[in-house]
Protein backbone atom coordinates (compact mmCIF):
# COMPACT_ATOMS: atom_id res chain seq x y z
CA MET A 1 43.05 -16.02 -28.54
CA ARG A 2 45.06 -13.91 -30.98
CA LYS A 3 43.65 -15.75 -34.00
CA ASN A 4 40.09 -15.50 -32.73
CA PRO A 5 39.59 -12.78 -30.10
CA LYS A 6 35.90 -13.70 -29.75
CA ASN A 7 36.61 -17.29 -28.73
CA LEU A 8 34.24 -17.60 -25.77
CA ARG A 9 34.81 -21.35 -25.63
CA LEU A 10 38.47 -20.80 -24.81
CA LEU A 11 37.64 -18.02 -22.36
CA SER A 12 35.10 -20.27 -20.66
CA HIS A 13 37.74 -22.95 -20.18
CA LEU A 14 40.22 -20.36 -18.93
CA ILE A 15 37.64 -19.11 -16.43
CA ASP A 16 37.20 -22.63 -15.09
CA ALA A 17 40.94 -23.33 -14.92
CA SER A 18 42.20 -20.04 -13.50
CA VAL A 19 42.62 -18.67 -10.00
CA SER A 20 40.81 -15.66 -8.58
CA ASP A 21 42.58 -12.65 -10.12
CA GLU A 22 43.01 -14.30 -13.50
CA ARG A 23 39.46 -15.63 -13.39
CA GLU A 24 38.01 -12.15 -12.95
CA LYS A 25 40.13 -10.85 -15.83
CA TYR A 26 38.84 -13.59 -18.13
CA ILE A 27 35.25 -13.07 -16.96
CA CYS A 28 35.42 -9.34 -17.68
CA GLU A 29 36.92 -9.98 -21.09
CA ALA A 30 34.28 -12.58 -21.93
CA LEU A 31 31.40 -10.38 -20.73
CA ASP A 32 32.67 -7.49 -22.84
CA ILE A 33 32.57 -9.78 -25.89
CA VAL A 34 29.08 -11.09 -25.07
CA ARG A 35 27.74 -7.58 -24.56
CA LEU A 36 28.84 -6.76 -28.10
CA ASP A 37 27.47 -9.97 -29.63
CA SER A 38 25.15 -12.06 -27.48
CA GLU A 39 24.58 -14.58 -30.28
CA LEU A 40 28.05 -16.06 -29.89
CA PHE A 41 28.46 -19.67 -28.84
CA TYR A 42 28.94 -19.93 -25.03
CA SER A 43 27.36 -16.49 -24.34
CA LYS A 44 24.83 -17.72 -21.80
CA VAL A 45 27.36 -20.00 -20.14
CA ILE A 46 29.67 -17.01 -19.62
CA TYR A 47 26.94 -15.27 -17.61
CA MET A 48 26.44 -18.38 -15.49
CA GLN A 49 30.18 -18.60 -14.82
CA ALA A 50 30.39 -14.90 -14.00
CA ILE A 51 27.47 -15.03 -11.56
CA SER A 52 28.89 -18.16 -9.97
CA TYR A 53 32.24 -16.43 -9.45
CA TYR A 54 30.81 -13.16 -8.15
CA GLN A 55 28.44 -14.86 -5.71
CA THR A 56 31.41 -15.22 -3.37
CA VAL A 57 33.35 -12.09 -4.34
CA ASP A 58 30.68 -9.42 -4.91
CA ARG A 59 27.10 -10.59 -4.41
CA LYS A 60 25.58 -7.28 -5.49
CA HIS A 61 27.41 -7.48 -8.80
CA ALA A 62 26.28 -11.10 -9.16
CA LEU A 63 22.65 -9.98 -8.75
CA ASP A 64 23.18 -7.20 -11.30
CA LEU A 65 24.50 -9.81 -13.74
CA CYS A 66 21.38 -11.92 -13.17
CA GLU A 67 19.24 -8.97 -14.26
CA GLU A 68 21.54 -8.24 -17.17
CA TYR A 69 21.28 -11.86 -18.33
CA TYR A 70 17.50 -11.52 -18.78
CA ASN A 71 17.92 -8.18 -20.56
CA VAL A 72 20.53 -9.52 -22.97
CA PHE A 73 18.90 -12.83 -23.94
CA ILE A 74 15.36 -12.64 -25.27
CA ASP A 75 15.11 -16.44 -25.18
CA ALA A 76 16.13 -16.68 -21.50
CA ASN A 77 12.75 -18.02 -20.40
CA SER A 78 13.17 -21.07 -22.60
CA ASN A 79 16.84 -21.80 -21.97
CA ILE A 80 18.48 -24.33 -19.66
CA VAL A 81 21.00 -21.76 -18.34
CA SER A 82 18.10 -19.92 -16.70
CA VAL A 83 17.79 -22.82 -14.25
CA ALA A 84 21.33 -22.03 -13.12
CA ILE A 85 20.74 -18.28 -13.06
CA GLU A 86 17.73 -18.65 -10.74
CA PHE A 87 19.51 -21.30 -8.67
CA LEU A 88 22.40 -18.89 -8.08
CA ARG A 89 20.19 -15.81 -7.63
CA ALA A 90 17.96 -17.46 -5.04
CA ASN A 91 20.88 -18.66 -2.98
CA ILE A 92 22.64 -15.28 -3.18
CA LEU A 93 19.51 -13.44 -2.05
CA GLY A 94 19.13 -15.89 0.82
CA THR A 95 22.68 -15.28 2.01
CA LEU A 96 22.06 -11.51 1.84
CA ASP A 97 19.01 -11.94 4.09
CA MET A 98 16.78 -10.60 1.33
CA TYR A 99 14.23 -13.25 2.19
CA GLU A 100 11.15 -12.09 0.28
CA ASP A 101 13.17 -11.69 -2.92
CA ALA A 102 14.83 -15.06 -2.27
CA CYS A 103 11.42 -16.72 -1.96
CA SER A 104 10.42 -15.33 -5.36
CA ALA A 105 13.72 -16.45 -6.91
CA PHE A 106 13.33 -19.95 -5.45
CA GLN A 107 9.83 -20.15 -6.93
CA ARG A 108 11.22 -19.12 -10.34
CA TYR A 109 13.97 -21.73 -9.94
CA PHE A 110 11.38 -24.44 -9.22
CA LYS A 111 9.39 -23.43 -12.33
CA PHE A 112 12.50 -23.57 -14.51
CA TYR A 113 13.51 -26.89 -12.93
CA GLU A 114 10.08 -28.31 -13.72
CA LYS A 115 10.38 -27.08 -17.32
CA TYR A 116 13.78 -28.77 -17.50
CA LYS A 117 12.39 -32.06 -16.14
CA ASN A 118 9.54 -31.87 -18.67
CA GLY A 119 11.94 -31.25 -21.57
CA GLU A 120 10.53 -27.77 -22.24
CA LEU A 121 13.85 -25.87 -22.25
CA ASN A 122 16.47 -25.48 -24.94
CA GLU A 123 19.26 -27.68 -23.59
CA PHE A 124 21.93 -26.81 -26.15
CA GLU A 125 24.29 -25.29 -23.56
CA MET A 126 24.40 -28.61 -21.70
CA CYS A 127 26.83 -29.86 -24.33
CA THR A 128 29.19 -26.96 -23.65
CA HIS A 129 29.45 -26.74 -19.86
CA PRO A 130 27.95 -28.28 -16.70
CA ILE A 131 24.85 -26.32 -15.74
CA ALA A 132 24.28 -25.52 -12.07
CA GLY A 133 20.98 -26.35 -10.41
CA LEU A 134 20.02 -29.43 -12.44
CA THR A 135 20.74 -32.25 -10.02
CA LYS A 136 18.33 -33.79 -7.56
CA SER A 137 20.69 -32.66 -4.80
CA ASP A 138 20.53 -29.04 -6.08
CA PHE A 139 16.74 -29.22 -6.10
CA GLU A 140 16.64 -30.65 -2.57
CA THR A 141 19.08 -28.00 -1.34
CA CYS A 142 16.89 -25.23 -2.77
CA THR A 143 13.82 -26.80 -1.22
CA TYR A 144 15.58 -26.95 2.13
CA ASN A 145 16.82 -23.35 1.81
CA LEU A 146 13.33 -22.11 0.98
CA ILE A 147 11.89 -23.92 3.99
CA MET A 148 14.52 -22.29 6.20
CA ILE A 149 13.69 -18.86 4.78
CA TYR A 150 9.98 -19.42 5.41
CA LYS A 151 10.91 -20.33 8.96
CA LYS A 152 12.92 -17.08 9.35
CA LEU A 153 9.93 -15.14 8.00
CA SER A 154 7.62 -17.02 10.41
CA LYS A 155 5.69 -18.37 7.42
CA TYR A 156 5.30 -21.75 9.03
CA SER A 157 2.29 -22.85 7.03
CA ASP A 158 4.22 -22.28 3.77
CA ALA A 159 7.16 -24.26 5.14
CA PHE A 160 4.92 -27.11 6.23
CA ASP A 161 3.09 -27.12 2.90
CA ILE A 162 6.42 -27.91 1.27
CA LEU A 163 7.46 -30.41 3.93
CA ASP A 164 4.14 -32.23 3.70
CA GLN A 165 4.65 -32.72 -0.06
CA LEU A 166 8.06 -34.33 0.34
CA ASP A 167 8.61 -38.05 0.06
CA PHE A 168 11.26 -38.52 2.73
CA SER A 169 12.09 -42.01 1.49
CA THR A 170 13.62 -40.54 -1.69
CA ILE A 171 15.62 -37.76 -0.04
CA GLU A 172 19.30 -38.27 0.63
CA GLY A 173 20.51 -37.39 4.11
CA SER A 174 18.46 -36.43 7.12
CA LYS A 175 18.32 -32.63 7.01
CA PHE A 176 14.64 -32.56 6.01
CA THR A 177 13.45 -35.02 8.63
CA ASP A 178 15.44 -33.19 11.29
CA VAL A 179 13.89 -29.90 10.18
CA TYR A 180 10.43 -31.42 9.98
CA ILE A 181 10.52 -32.87 13.46
CA SER A 182 12.20 -29.88 15.16
CA ASP A 183 10.07 -27.31 13.34
CA LYS A 184 6.80 -29.15 14.06
CA ILE A 185 7.68 -29.05 17.75
CA THR A 186 8.59 -25.33 17.51
CA VAL A 187 5.35 -24.46 15.73
CA TYR A 188 3.23 -26.53 18.10
CA ARG A 189 4.85 -24.75 21.03
CA LYS A 190 4.12 -21.35 19.46
CA GLN A 191 0.50 -22.40 18.91
CA GLY A 192 0.24 -23.66 22.48
CA ILE A 193 -0.30 -27.27 21.44
């Protein structure tokens, strides 16, 4: 670090390898560097790592960093890291019971995920660090979480629209079929069927 104080690659690895107090120190140091020069290699990854860390420590700060990410990077809407940012933001909002905002964030996540699947995003950062939100399991988890939020908001038709589009034969585990069956019964009871 002494030879190259702007070495975000090294800081990124230190963030991954360190424990809580050290991790926050490295995150703060890395963010300070990125805020001075957002064109540096690993800049976007640093935001993803910071948001991922703060989602368990300080969710409000994590959400502030999500907003900051879009203000700092003009190319955010065409970058693979944005999949992770929306993946993290949506799940944070859901845990904070900010359901309407979470629904919007999940919809943005799904749009970014679709762009990723269609090869429409700059994937350069994938060679530097694993990107959250890109796996089929991540996608299914977000789909499940959105359905559960629709249920909490009593937006049953939105939840069933999603459920009806799912191919249950390709989904791992049984959480969706359990939800589908139990929620259909709940909705039918509410409708007097």
